[in-house]
Amino acid sequence: MRSILILFSAVLALSQPSFSQTANPPVPDTALVMAAVDTLQRIAEETGPVPVPPASEKALRYYRSGNWLWGLGLLWGLLVPAAFLFTGFSARIRNWAQRLGHKWF
């Protein structure tokens, strides 16, 4: 058993990636980088900001309804566990589970 453990440890140790320093990555050509930067700047100057239309009433109603649903979900997620805790219902569930599983443990 000990020899299997030693063999497993040796295989595991030898299969780990090497943490030695690898070769330095190639340095990008500065002329190529500058050309790419110039191209991106030119594209940004040509396009400029995009006009955004004002939100419609339907979009605003959808946004507000999502906020209401989020708030109701938050309240539901806080009130139901609080009701379980403060009414003693969680203790009744615990006692029922103990009666049901008394043979298991």
PDB file of N, CA and C in Angstrom:
ATOM      1  N   MET A   1       0.823  -1.188   0.000  1.00  0.00           N
ATOM      2  CA  MET A   1       0.000   0.000   0.000  1.00  0.00           C
ATOM      3  C   MET A   1       0.872   1.258   0.000  1.00  0.00           C
ATOM      4  N   ARG A   2       1.957   1.196   0.780  1.00  0.00           N
ATOM      5  CA  ARG A   2       2.843   2.347   0.863  1.00  0.00           C
ATOM      6  C   ARG A   2       3.527   2.594  -0.481  1.00  0.00           C
ATOM      7  N   SER A   3       3.901   1.531  -1.192  1.00  0.00           N
ATOM      8  CA  SER A   3       4.570   1.711  -2.481  1.00  0.00           C
ATOM      9  C   SER A   3       3.617   2.320  -3.511  1.00  0.00           C
ATOM     10  N   ILE A   4       2.349   1.960  -3.441  1.00  0.00           N
ATOM     11  CA  ILE A   4       1.376   2.545  -4.364  1.00  0.00           C
ATOM     12  C   ILE A   4       1.215   4.033  -4.081  1.00  0.00           C
ATOM     13  N   LEU A   5       1.181   4.391  -2.806  1.00  0.00           N
ATOM     14  CA  LEU A   5       1.054   5.793  -2.426  1.00  0.00           C
ATOM     15  C   LEU A   5       2.276   6.594  -2.873  1.00  0.00           C
ATOM     16  N   ILE A   6       3.460   6.023  -2.714  1.00  0.00           N
ATOM     17  CA  ILE A   6       4.685   6.705  -3.145  1.00  0.00           C
ATOM     18  C   ILE A   6       4.701   6.853  -4.660  1.00  0.00           C
ATOM     19  N   LEU A   7       4.308   5.799  -5.378  1.00  0.00           N
ATOM     20  CA  LEU A   7       4.268   5.853  -6.837  1.00  0.00           C
ATOM     21  C   LEU A   7       3.257   6.899  -7.308  1.00  0.00           C
ATOM     22  N   PHE A   8       2.089   6.927  -6.680  1.00  0.00           N
ATOM     23  CA  PHE A   8       1.068   7.910  -7.041  1.00  0.00           C
ATOM     24  C   PHE A   8       1.568   9.325  -6.782  1.00  0.00           C
ATOM     25  N   SER A   9       2.236   9.543  -5.661  1.00  0.00           N
ATOM     26  CA  SER A   9       2.766  10.867  -5.338  1.00  0.00           C
ATOM     27  C   SER A   9       3.835  11.288  -6.334  1.00  0.00           C
ATOM     28  N   ALA A  10       4.682  10.357  -6.740  1.00  0.00           N
ATOM     29  CA  ALA A  10       5.728  10.674  -7.704  1.00  0.00           C
ATOM     30  C   ALA A  10       5.127  11.034  -9.060  1.00  0.00           C
ATOM     31  N   VAL A  11       4.144  10.261  -9.496  1.00  0.00           N
ATOM     32  CA  VAL A  11       3.497  10.560 -10.777  1.00  0.00           C
ATOM     33  C   VAL A  11       2.803  11.913 -10.710  1.00  0.00           C
ATOM     34  N   LEU A  12       2.143  12.191  -9.607  1.00  0.00           N
ATOM     35  CA  LEU A  12       1.454  13.465  -9.448  1.00  0.00           C
ATOM     36  C   LEU A  12       2.444  14.627  -9.437  1.00  0.00           C
ATOM     37  N   ALA A  13       3.564  14.465  -8.753  1.00  0.00           N
ATOM     38  CA  ALA A  13       4.563  15.529  -8.688  1.00  0.00           C
ATOM     39  C   ALA A  13       5.207  15.772 -10.048  1.00  0.00           C
ATOM     40  N   LEU A  14       5.444  14.717 -10.804  1.00  0.00           N
ATOM     41  CA  LEU A  14       6.091  14.872 -12.101  1.00  0.00           C
ATOM     42  C   LEU A  14       5.132  15.366 -13.175  1.00  0.00           C
ATOM     43  N   SER A  15       3.844  15.220 -12.954  1.00  0.00           N
ATOM     44  CA  SER A  15       2.888  15.649 -13.967  1.00  0.00           C
ATOM     45  C   SER A  15       2.484  17.108 -13.810  1.00  0.00           C
ATOM     46  N   GLN A  16       2.950  17.781 -12.774  1.00  0.00           N
ATOM     47  CA  GLN A  16       2.618  19.187 -12.565  1.00  0.00           C
ATOM     48  C   GLN A  16       3.327  20.035 -13.610  1.00  0.00           C
ATOM     49  N   PRO A  17       2.707  21.137 -14.012  1.00  0.00           N
ATOM     50  CA  PRO A  17       3.358  22.005 -14.999  1.00  0.00           C
ATOM     51  C   PRO A  17       4.609  22.643 -14.405  1.00  0.00           C
ATOM     52  N   SER A  18       5.513  22.922 -15.261  1.00  0.00           N
ATOM     53  CA  SER A  18       6.764  23.523 -14.821  1.00  0.00           C
ATOM     54  C   SER A  18       6.540  24.989 -14.487  1.00  0.00           C
ATOM     55  N   PHE A  19       7.107  25.438 -13.363  1.00  0.00           N
ATOM     56  CA  PHE A  19       6.970  26.820 -12.959  1.00  0.00           C
ATOM     57  C   PHE A  19       8.217  27.627 -13.311  1.00  0.00           C
ATOM     58  N   SER A  20       9.068  27.061 -14.131  1.00  0.00           N
ATOM     59  CA  SER A  20      10.265  27.795 -14.518  1.00  0.00           C
ATOM     60  C   SER A  20       9.880  28.910 -15.487  1.00  0.00           C
ATOM     61  N   GLN A  21      10.798  29.844 -15.662  1.00  0.00           N
ATOM     62  CA  GLN A  21      10.520  30.979 -16.523  1.00  0.00           C
ATOM     63  C   GLN A  21      10.493  30.514 -17.970  1.00  0.00           C
ATOM     64  N   THR A  22       9.459  30.903 -18.673  1.00  0.00           N
ATOM     65  CA  THR A  22       9.349  30.543 -20.084  1.00  0.00           C
ATOM     66  C   THR A  22       9.982  31.642 -20.919  1.00  0.00           C
ATOM     67  N   ALA A  23      10.088  31.388 -22.188  1.00  0.00           N
ATOM     68  CA  ALA A  23      10.671  32.370 -23.092  1.00  0.00           C
ATOM     69  C   ALA A  23       9.794  33.617 -23.117  1.00  0.00           C
ATOM     70  N   ASN A  24      10.418  34.763 -23.281  1.00  0.00           N
ATOM     71  CA  ASN A  24       9.680  36.022 -23.331  1.00  0.00           C
ATOM     72  C   ASN A  24       8.781  36.040 -24.560  1.00  0.00           C
ATOM     73  N   PRO A  25       7.576  36.571 -24.428  1.00  0.00           N
ATOM     74  CA  PRO A  25       6.703  36.646 -25.595  1.00  0.00           C
ATOM     75  C   PRO A  25       7.274  37.629 -26.606  1.00  0.00           C
ATOM     76  N   PRO A  26       6.972  37.440 -27.864  1.00  0.00           N
ATOM     77  CA  PRO A  26       7.520  38.350 -28.873  1.00  0.00           C
ATOM     78  C   PRO A  26       6.965  39.760 -28.683  1.00  0.00           C
ATOM     79  N   VAL A  27       7.824  40.731 -28.896  1.00  0.00           N
ATOM     80  CA  VAL A  27       7.439  42.134 -28.764  1.00  0.00           C
ATOM     81  C   VAL A  27       6.757  42.551 -30.064  1.00  0.00           C
ATOM     82  N   PRO A  28       5.562  43.153 -29.982  1.00  0.00           N
ATOM     83  CA  PRO A  28       4.884  43.548 -31.218  1.00  0.00           C
ATOM     84  C   PRO A  28       5.635  44.674 -31.919  1.00  0.00           C
ATOM     85  N   ASP A  29       5.510  44.703 -33.216  1.00  0.00           N
ATOM     86  CA  ASP A  29       6.160  45.726 -34.032  1.00  0.00           C
ATOM     87  C   ASP A  29       5.497  47.073 -33.745  1.00  0.00           C
ATOM     88  N   THR A  30       6.295  48.084 -33.387  1.00  0.00           N
ATOM     89  CA  THR A  30       5.730  49.387 -33.008  1.00  0.00           C
ATOM     90  C   THR A  30       5.046  50.069 -34.188  1.00  0.00           C
ATOM     91  N   ALA A  31       5.556  49.883 -35.388  1.00  0.00           N
ATOM     92  CA  ALA A  31       4.921  50.499 -36.558  1.00  0.00           C
ATOM     93  C   ALA A  31       3.526  49.911 -36.768  1.00  0.00           C
ATOM     94  N   LEU A  32       3.407  48.618 -36.565  1.00  0.00           N
ATOM     95  CA  LEU A  32       2.113  47.958 -36.723  1.00  0.00           C
ATOM     96  C   LEU A  32       1.134  48.431 -35.647  1.00  0.00           C
ATOM     97  N   VAL A  33       1.625  48.578 -34.427  1.00  0.00           N
ATOM     98  CA  VAL A  33       0.773  49.053 -33.331  1.00  0.00           C
ATOM     99  C   VAL A  33       0.325  50.486 -33.592  1.00  0.00           C
ATOM    100  N   MET A  34       1.226  51.333 -34.035  1.00  0.00           N
ATOM    101  CA  MET A  34       0.870  52.728 -34.312  1.00  0.00           C
ATOM    102  C   MET A  34      -0.136  52.824 -35.453  1.00  0.00           C
ATOM    103  N   ALA A  35       0.003  51.969 -36.466  1.00  0.00           N
ATOM    104  CA  ALA A  35      -0.953  51.972 -37.572  1.00  0.00           C
ATOM    105  C   ALA A  35      -2.336  51.557 -37.083  1.00  0.00           C
ATOM    106  N   ALA A  36      -2.382  50.586 -36.195  1.00  0.00           N
ATOM    107  CA  ALA A  36      -3.665  50.151 -35.652  1.00  0.00           C
ATOM    108  C   ALA A  36      -4.299  51.251 -34.810  1.00  0.00           C
ATOM    109  N   VAL A  37      -3.494  51.951 -34.015  1.00  0.00           N
ATOM    110  CA  VAL A  37      -4.012  53.047 -33.187  1.00  0.00           C
ATOM    111  C   VAL A  37      -4.537  54.169 -34.072  1.00  0.00           C
ATOM    112  N   ASP A  38      -3.802  54.509 -35.124  1.00  0.00           N
ATOM    113  CA  ASP A  38      -4.256  55.559 -36.041  1.00  0.00           C
ATOM    114  C   ASP A  38      -5.569  55.170 -36.708  1.00  0.00           C
ATOM    115  N   THR A  39      -5.683  53.926 -37.112  1.00  0.00           N
ATOM    116  CA  THR A  39      -6.917  53.456 -37.744  1.00  0.00           C
ATOM    117  C   THR A  39      -8.092  53.551 -36.784  1.00  0.00           C
ATOM    118  N   LEU A  40      -7.885  53.133 -35.547  1.00  0.00           N
ATOM    119  CA  LEU A  40      -8.964  53.199 -34.564  1.00  0.00           C
ATOM    120  C   LEU A  40      -9.360  54.640 -34.263  1.00  0.00           C
ATOM    121  N   GLN A  41      -8.397  55.543 -34.180  1.00  0.00           N
ATOM    122  CA  GLN A  41      -8.712  56.948 -33.939  1.00  0.00           C
ATOM    123  C   GLN A  41      -9.488  57.546 -35.108  1.00  0.00           C
ATOM    124  N   ARG A  42      -9.105  57.198 -36.320  1.00  0.00           N
ATOM    125  CA  ARG A  42      -9.797  57.714 -37.497  1.00  0.00           C
ATOM    126  C   ARG A  42     -11.242  57.210 -37.541  1.00  0.00           C
ATOM    127  N   ILE A  43     -11.436  55.941 -37.206  1.00  0.00           N
ATOM    128  CA  ILE A  43     -12.793  55.384 -37.186  1.00  0.00           C
ATOM    129  C   ILE A  43     -13.633  56.077 -36.121  1.00  0.00           C
ATOM    130  N   ALA A  44     -13.042  56.331 -34.958  1.00  0.00           N
ATOM    131  CA  ALA A  44     -13.774  57.000 -33.879  1.00  0.00           C
ATOM    132  C   ALA A  44     -14.150  58.422 -34.275  1.00  0.00           C
ATOM    133  N   GLU A  45     -13.274  59.125 -34.983  1.00  0.00           N
ATOM    134  CA  GLU A  45     -13.572  60.491 -35.410  1.00  0.00           C
ATOM    135  C   GLU A  45     -14.642  60.514 -36.490  1.00  0.00           C
ATOM    136  N   GLU A  46     -14.630  59.519 -37.385  1.00  0.00           N
ATOM    137  CA  GLU A  46     -15.597  59.484 -38.479  1.00  0.00           C
ATOM    138  C   GLU A  46     -16.998  59.145 -37.981  1.00  0.00           C
ATOM    139  N   THR A  47     -17.093  58.221 -37.051  1.00  0.00           N
ATOM    140  CA  THR A  47     -18.422  57.789 -36.623  1.00  0.00           C
ATOM    141  C   THR A  47     -19.028  58.750 -35.622  1.00  0.00           C
ATOM    142  N   GLY A  48     -18.299  59.161 -34.624  1.00  0.00           N
ATOM    143  CA  GLY A  48     -18.812  60.082 -33.619  1.00  0.00           C
ATOM    144  C   GLY A  48     -19.899  59.437 -32.770  1.00  0.00           C
ATOM    145  N   PRO A  49     -20.534  60.242 -31.925  1.00  0.00           N
ATOM    146  CA  PRO A  49     -21.580  59.686 -31.069  1.00  0.00           C
ATOM    147  C   PRO A  49     -22.824  59.329 -31.883  1.00  0.00           C
ATOM    148  N   VAL A  50     -23.503  58.322 -31.447  1.00  0.00           N
ATOM    149  CA  VAL A  50     -24.704  57.852 -32.125  1.00  0.00           C
ATOM    150  C   VAL A  50     -25.913  58.453 -31.417  1.00  0.00           C
ATOM    151  N   PRO A  51     -26.834  59.072 -32.146  1.00  0.00           N
ATOM    152  CA  PRO A  51     -28.016  59.639 -31.489  1.00  0.00           C
ATOM    153  C   PRO A  51     -28.931  58.527 -30.967  1.00  0.00           C
ATOM    154  N   VAL A  52     -29.401  58.708 -29.748  1.00  0.00           N
ATOM    155  CA  VAL A  52     -30.283  57.724 -29.121  1.00  0.00           C
ATOM    156  C   VAL A  52     -31.669  58.343 -28.998  1.00  0.00           C
ATOM    157  N   PRO A  53     -32.689  57.665 -29.507  1.00  0.00           N
ATOM    158  CA  PRO A  53     -34.034  58.236 -29.409  1.00  0.00           C
ATOM    159  C   PRO A  53     -34.531  58.202 -27.967  1.00  0.00           C
ATOM    160  N   PRO A  54     -35.444  59.098 -27.613  1.00  0.00           N
ATOM    161  CA  PRO A  54     -35.988  59.081 -26.250  1.00  0.00           C
ATOM    162  C   PRO A  54     -36.813  57.818 -26.025  1.00  0.00           C
ATOM    163  N   ALA A  55     -36.885  57.404 -24.776  1.00  0.00           N
ATOM    164  CA  ALA A  55     -37.613  56.176 -24.444  1.00  0.00           C
ATOM    165  C   ALA A  55     -39.107  56.384 -24.655  1.00  0.00           C
ATOM    166  N   SER A  56     -39.752  55.363 -25.203  1.00  0.00           N
ATOM    167  CA  SER A  56     -41.197  55.442 -25.415  1.00  0.00           C
ATOM    168  C   SER A  56     -41.928  55.165 -24.105  1.00  0.00           C
ATOM    169  N   GLU A  57     -43.220  55.463 -24.094  1.00  0.00           N
ATOM    170  CA  GLU A  57     -44.024  55.217 -22.898  1.00  0.00           C
ATOM    171  C   GLU A  57     -44.099  53.720 -22.598  1.00  0.00           C
ATOM    172  N   LYS A  58     -44.150  52.911 -23.640  1.00  0.00           N
ATOM    173  CA  LYS A  58     -44.203  51.455 -23.453  1.00  0.00           C
ATOM    174  C   LYS A  58     -42.911  50.952 -22.808  1.00  0.00           C
ATOM    175  N   ALA A  59     -41.773  51.486 -23.236  1.00  0.00           N
ATOM    176  CA  ALA A  59     -40.492  51.085 -22.656  1.00  0.00           C
ATOM    177  C   ALA A  59     -40.406  51.500 -21.196  1.00  0.00           C
ATOM    178  N   LEU A  60     -40.902  52.689 -20.871  1.00  0.00           N
ATOM    179  CA  LEU A  60     -40.885  53.140 -19.477  1.00  0.00           C
ATOM    180  C   LEU A  60     -41.806  52.293 -18.605  1.00  0.00           C
ATOM    181  N   ARG A  61     -42.980  51.898 -19.124  1.00  0.00           N
ATOM    182  CA  ARG A  61     -43.885  51.029 -18.363  1.00  0.00           C
ATOM    183  C   ARG A  61     -43.228  49.683 -18.094  1.00  0.00           C
ATOM    184  N   TYR A  62     -42.545  49.145 -19.109  1.00  0.00           N
ATOM    185  CA  TYR A  62     -41.852  47.863 -18.946  1.00  0.00           C
ATOM    186  C   TYR A  62     -40.765  47.982 -17.879  1.00  0.00           C
ATOM    187  N   TYR A  63     -40.031  49.076 -17.893  1.00  0.00           N
ATOM    188  CA  TYR A  63     -38.972  49.311 -16.909  1.00  0.00           C
ATOM    189  C   TYR A  63     -39.554  49.400 -15.502  1.00  0.00           C
ATOM    190  N   ARG A  64     -40.626  50.159 -15.347  1.00  0.00           N
ATOM    191  CA  ARG A  64     -41.242  50.318 -14.023  1.00  0.00           C
ATOM    192  C   ARG A  64     -41.829  49.004 -13.520  1.00  0.00           C
ATOM    193  N   SER A  65     -42.445  48.233 -14.410  1.00  0.00           N
ATOM    194  CA  SER A  65     -43.026  46.954 -13.973  1.00  0.00           C
ATOM    195  C   SER A  65     -41.928  46.003 -13.521  1.00  0.00           C
ATOM    196  N   GLY A  66     -40.779  46.057 -14.169  1.00  0.00           N
ATOM    197  CA  GLY A  66     -39.658  45.225 -13.734  1.00  0.00           C
ATOM    198  C   GLY A  66     -39.181  45.615 -12.348  1.00  0.00           C
ATOM    199  N   ASN A  67     -39.194  46.914 -12.058  1.00  0.00           N
ATOM    200  CA  ASN A  67     -38.807  47.368 -10.717  1.00  0.00           C
ATOM    201  C   ASN A  67     -39.799  46.872  -9.675  1.00  0.00           C
ATOM    202  N   TRP A  68     -41.093  46.933  -9.993  1.00  0.00           N
ATOM    203  CA  TRP A  68     -42.104  46.439  -9.053  1.00  0.00           C
ATOM    204  C   TRP A  68     -41.942  44.943  -8.816  1.00  0.00           C
ATOM    205  N   LEU A  69     -41.707  44.199  -9.880  1.00  0.00           N
ATOM    206  CA  LEU A  69     -41.528  42.750  -9.722  1.00  0.00           C
ATOM    207  C   LEU A  69     -40.296  42.440  -8.881  1.00  0.00           C
ATOM    208  N   TRP A  70     -39.231  43.194  -9.074  1.00  0.00           N
ATOM    209  CA  TRP A  70     -38.033  42.988  -8.269  1.00  0.00           C
ATOM    210  C   TRP A  70     -38.327  43.265  -6.799  1.00  0.00           C
ATOM    211  N   GLY A  71     -39.027  44.361  -6.518  1.00  0.00           N
ATOM    212  CA  GLY A  71     -39.355  44.705  -5.134  1.00  0.00           C
ATOM    213  C   GLY A  71     -40.255  43.667  -4.481  1.00  0.00           C
ATOM    214  N   LEU A  72     -41.266  43.197  -5.217  1.00  0.00           N
ATOM    215  CA  LEU A  72     -42.147  42.163  -4.671  1.00  0.00           C
ATOM    216  C   LEU A  72     -41.388  40.862  -4.418  1.00  0.00           C
ATOM    217  N   GLY A  73     -40.498  40.509  -5.329  1.00  0.00           N
ATOM    218  CA  GLY A  73     -39.690  39.302  -5.127  1.00  0.00           C
ATOM    219  C   GLY A  73     -38.788  39.418  -3.913  1.00  0.00           C
ATOM    220  N   LEU A  74     -38.240  40.598  -3.706  1.00  0.00           N
ATOM    221  CA  LEU A  74     -37.389  40.824  -2.538  1.00  0.00           C
ATOM    222  C   LEU A  74     -38.194  40.704  -1.249  1.00  0.00           C
ATOM    223  N   LEU A  75     -39.365  41.341  -1.207  1.00  0.00           N
ATOM    224  CA  LEU A  75     -40.214  41.243  -0.017  1.00  0.00           C
ATOM    225  C   LEU A  75     -40.647  39.804   0.242  1.00  0.00           C
ATOM    226  N   TRP A  76     -41.051  39.106  -0.809  1.00  0.00           N
ATOM    227  CA  TRP A  76     -41.474  37.715  -0.669  1.00  0.00           C
ATOM    228  C   TRP A  76     -40.326  36.867  -0.125  1.00  0.00           C
ATOM    229  N   GLY A  77     -39.130  37.099  -0.636  1.00  0.00           N
ATOM    230  CA  GLY A  77     -37.970  36.337  -0.196  1.00  0.00           C
ATOM    231  C   GLY A  77     -37.555  36.628   1.235  1.00  0.00           C
ATOM    232  N   LEU A  78     -37.953  37.771   1.773  1.00  0.00           N
ATOM    233  CA  LEU A  78     -37.645  38.089   3.166  1.00  0.00           C
ATOM    234  C   LEU A  78     -38.793  37.732   4.109  1.00  0.00           C
ATOM    235  N   LEU A  79     -40.031  37.942   3.673  1.00  0.00           N
ATOM    236  CA  LEU A  79     -41.178  37.729   4.557  1.00  0.00           C
ATOM    237  C   LEU A  79     -41.490  36.255   4.790  1.00  0.00           C
ATOM    238  N   VAL A  80     -41.358  35.422   3.775  1.00  0.00           N
ATOM    239  CA  VAL A  80     -41.683  33.998   3.954  1.00  0.00           C
ATOM    240  C   VAL A  80     -40.727  33.334   4.944  1.00  0.00           C
ATOM    241  N   PRO A  81     -39.405  33.483   4.817  1.00  0.00           N
ATOM    242  CA  PRO A  81     -38.532  32.895   5.840  1.00  0.00           C
ATOM    243  C   PRO A  81     -38.748  33.502   7.226  1.00  0.00           C
ATOM    244  N   ALA A  82     -39.042  34.804   7.283  1.00  0.00           N
ATOM    245  CA  ALA A  82     -39.306  35.424   8.582  1.00  0.00           C
ATOM    246  C   ALA A  82     -40.561  34.832   9.209  1.00  0.00           C
ATOM    247  N   ALA A  83     -41.584  34.588   8.402  1.00  0.00           N
ATOM    248  CA  ALA A  83     -42.808  33.971   8.922  1.00  0.00           C
ATOM    249  C   ALA A  83     -42.518  32.561   9.429  1.00  0.00           C
ATOM    250  N   PHE A  84     -41.702  31.810   8.716  1.00  0.00           N
ATOM    251  CA  PHE A  84     -41.336  30.462   9.167  1.00  0.00           C
ATOM    252  C   PHE A  84     -40.631  30.523  10.519  1.00  0.00           C
ATOM    253  N   LEU A  85     -39.736  31.490  10.674  1.00  0.00           N
ATOM    254  CA  LEU A  85     -38.954  31.570  11.903  1.00  0.00           C
ATOM    255  C   LEU A  85     -39.768  32.068  13.089  1.00  0.00           C
ATOM    256  N   PHE A  86     -40.521  33.128  12.901  1.00  0.00           N
ATOM    257  CA  PHE A  86     -41.161  33.782  14.037  1.00  0.00           C
ATOM    258  C   PHE A  86     -42.491  33.156  14.444  1.00  0.00           C
ATOM    259  N   THR A  87     -43.097  32.336  13.588  1.00  0.00           N
ATOM    260  CA  THR A  87     -44.345  31.675  13.977  1.00  0.00           C
ATOM    261  C   THR A  87     -44.094  30.312  14.593  1.00  0.00           C
ATOM    262  N   GLY A  88     -42.878  29.824  14.548  1.00  0.00           N
ATOM    263  CA  GLY A  88     -42.578  28.510  15.103  1.00  0.00           C
ATOM    264  C   GLY A  88     -42.810  27.384  14.114  1.00  0.00           C
ATOM    265  N   PHE A  89     -43.147  27.723  12.878  1.00  0.00           N
ATOM    266  CA  PHE A  89     -43.405  26.688  11.878  1.00  0.00           C
ATOM    267  C   PHE A  89     -42.138  25.896  11.566  1.00  0.00           C
ATOM    268  N   SER A  90     -40.984  26.556  11.607  1.00  0.00           N
ATOM    269  CA  SER A  90     -39.731  25.848  11.334  1.00  0.00           C
ATOM    270  C   SER A  90     -39.455  24.806  12.414  1.00  0.00           C
ATOM    271  N   ALA A  91     -39.829  25.092  13.670  1.00  0.00           N
ATOM    272  CA  ALA A  91     -39.647  24.107  14.743  1.00  0.00           C
ATOM    273  C   ALA A  91     -40.572  22.916  14.527  1.00  0.00           C
ATOM    274  N   ARG A  92     -41.793  23.176  14.047  1.00  0.00           N
ATOM    275  CA  ARG A  92     -42.709  22.066  13.756  1.00  0.00           C
ATOM    276  C   ARG A  92     -42.171  21.199  12.620  1.00  0.00           C
ATOM    277  N   ILE A  93     -41.581  21.825  11.620  1.00  0.00           N
ATOM    278  CA  ILE A  93     -40.973  21.055  10.523  1.00  0.00           C
ATOM    279  C   ILE A  93     -39.813  20.225  11.060  1.00  0.00           C
ATOM    280  N   ARG A  94     -39.000  20.803  11.954  1.00  0.00           N
ATOM    281  CA  ARG A  94     -37.884  20.074  12.554  1.00  0.00           C
ATOM    282  C   ARG A  94     -38.379  18.869  13.344  1.00  0.00           C
ATOM    283  N   ASN A  95     -39.400  19.068  14.167  1.00  0.00           N
ATOM    284  CA  ASN A  95     -39.940  17.964  14.970  1.00  0.00           C
ATOM    285  C   ASN A  95     -40.529  16.878  14.088  1.00  0.00           C
ATOM    286  N   TRP A  96     -41.213  17.275  13.035  1.00  0.00           N
ATOM    287  CA  TRP A  96     -41.780  16.298  12.102  1.00  0.00           C
ATOM    288  C   TRP A  96     -40.661  15.492  11.443  1.00  0.00           C
ATOM    289  N   ALA A  97     -39.571  16.157  11.056  1.00  0.00           N
ATOM    290  CA  ALA A  97     -38.447  15.463  10.424  1.00  0.00           C
ATOM    291  C   ALA A  97     -37.767  14.521  11.412  1.00  0.00           C
ATOM    292  N   GLN A  98     -37.677  14.910  12.685  1.00  0.00           N
ATOM    293  CA  GLN A  98     -37.082  14.022  13.690  1.00  0.00           C
ATOM    294  C   GLN A  98     -37.944  12.788  13.901  1.00  0.00           C
ATOM    295  N   ARG A  99     -39.265  12.959  13.952  1.00  0.00           N
ATOM    296  CA  ARG A  99     -40.153  11.806  14.112  1.00  0.00           C
ATOM    297  C   ARG A  99     -40.074  10.889  12.901  1.00  0.00           C
ATOM    298  N   LEU A 100     -39.984  11.478  11.728  1.00  0.00           N
ATOM    299  CA  LEU A 100     -39.947  10.692  10.501  1.00  0.00           C
ATOM    300  C   LEU A 100     -38.630   9.929  10.373  1.00  0.00           C
ATOM    301  N   GLY A 101     -37.523  10.543  10.754  1.00  0.00           N
ATOM    302  CA  GLY A 101     -36.227   9.922  10.528  1.00  0.00           C
ATOM    303  C   GLY A 101     -35.516   9.473  11.774  1.00  0.00           C
ATOM    304  N   HIS A 102     -36.237   9.146  12.827  1.00  0.00           N
ATOM    305  CA  HIS A 102     -35.570   8.766  14.075  1.00  0.00           C
ATOM    306  C   HIS A 102     -34.783   7.469  13.939  1.00  0.00           C
ATOM    307  N   LYS A 103     -35.121   6.640  12.984  1.00  0.00           N
ATOM    308  CA  LYS A 103     -34.408   5.373  12.794  1.00  0.00           C
ATOM    309  C   LYS A 103     -33.121   5.561  11.985  1.00  0.00           C
ATOM    310  N   TRP A 104     -32.997   6.654  11.317  1.00  0.00           N
ATOM    311  CA  TRP A 104     -31.869   6.824  10.411  1.00  0.00           C
ATOM    312  C   TRP A 104     -30.584   7.191  11.138  1.00  0.00           C
ATOM    313  N   PHE A 105     -30.666   7.902  12.249  1.00  0.00           N
ATOM    314  CA  PHE A 105     -29.448   8.359  12.918  1.00  0.00           C
ATOM    315  C   PHE A 105     -29.452   7.959  14.361  1.00  0.00           C
TER     316      PHE A 105
END
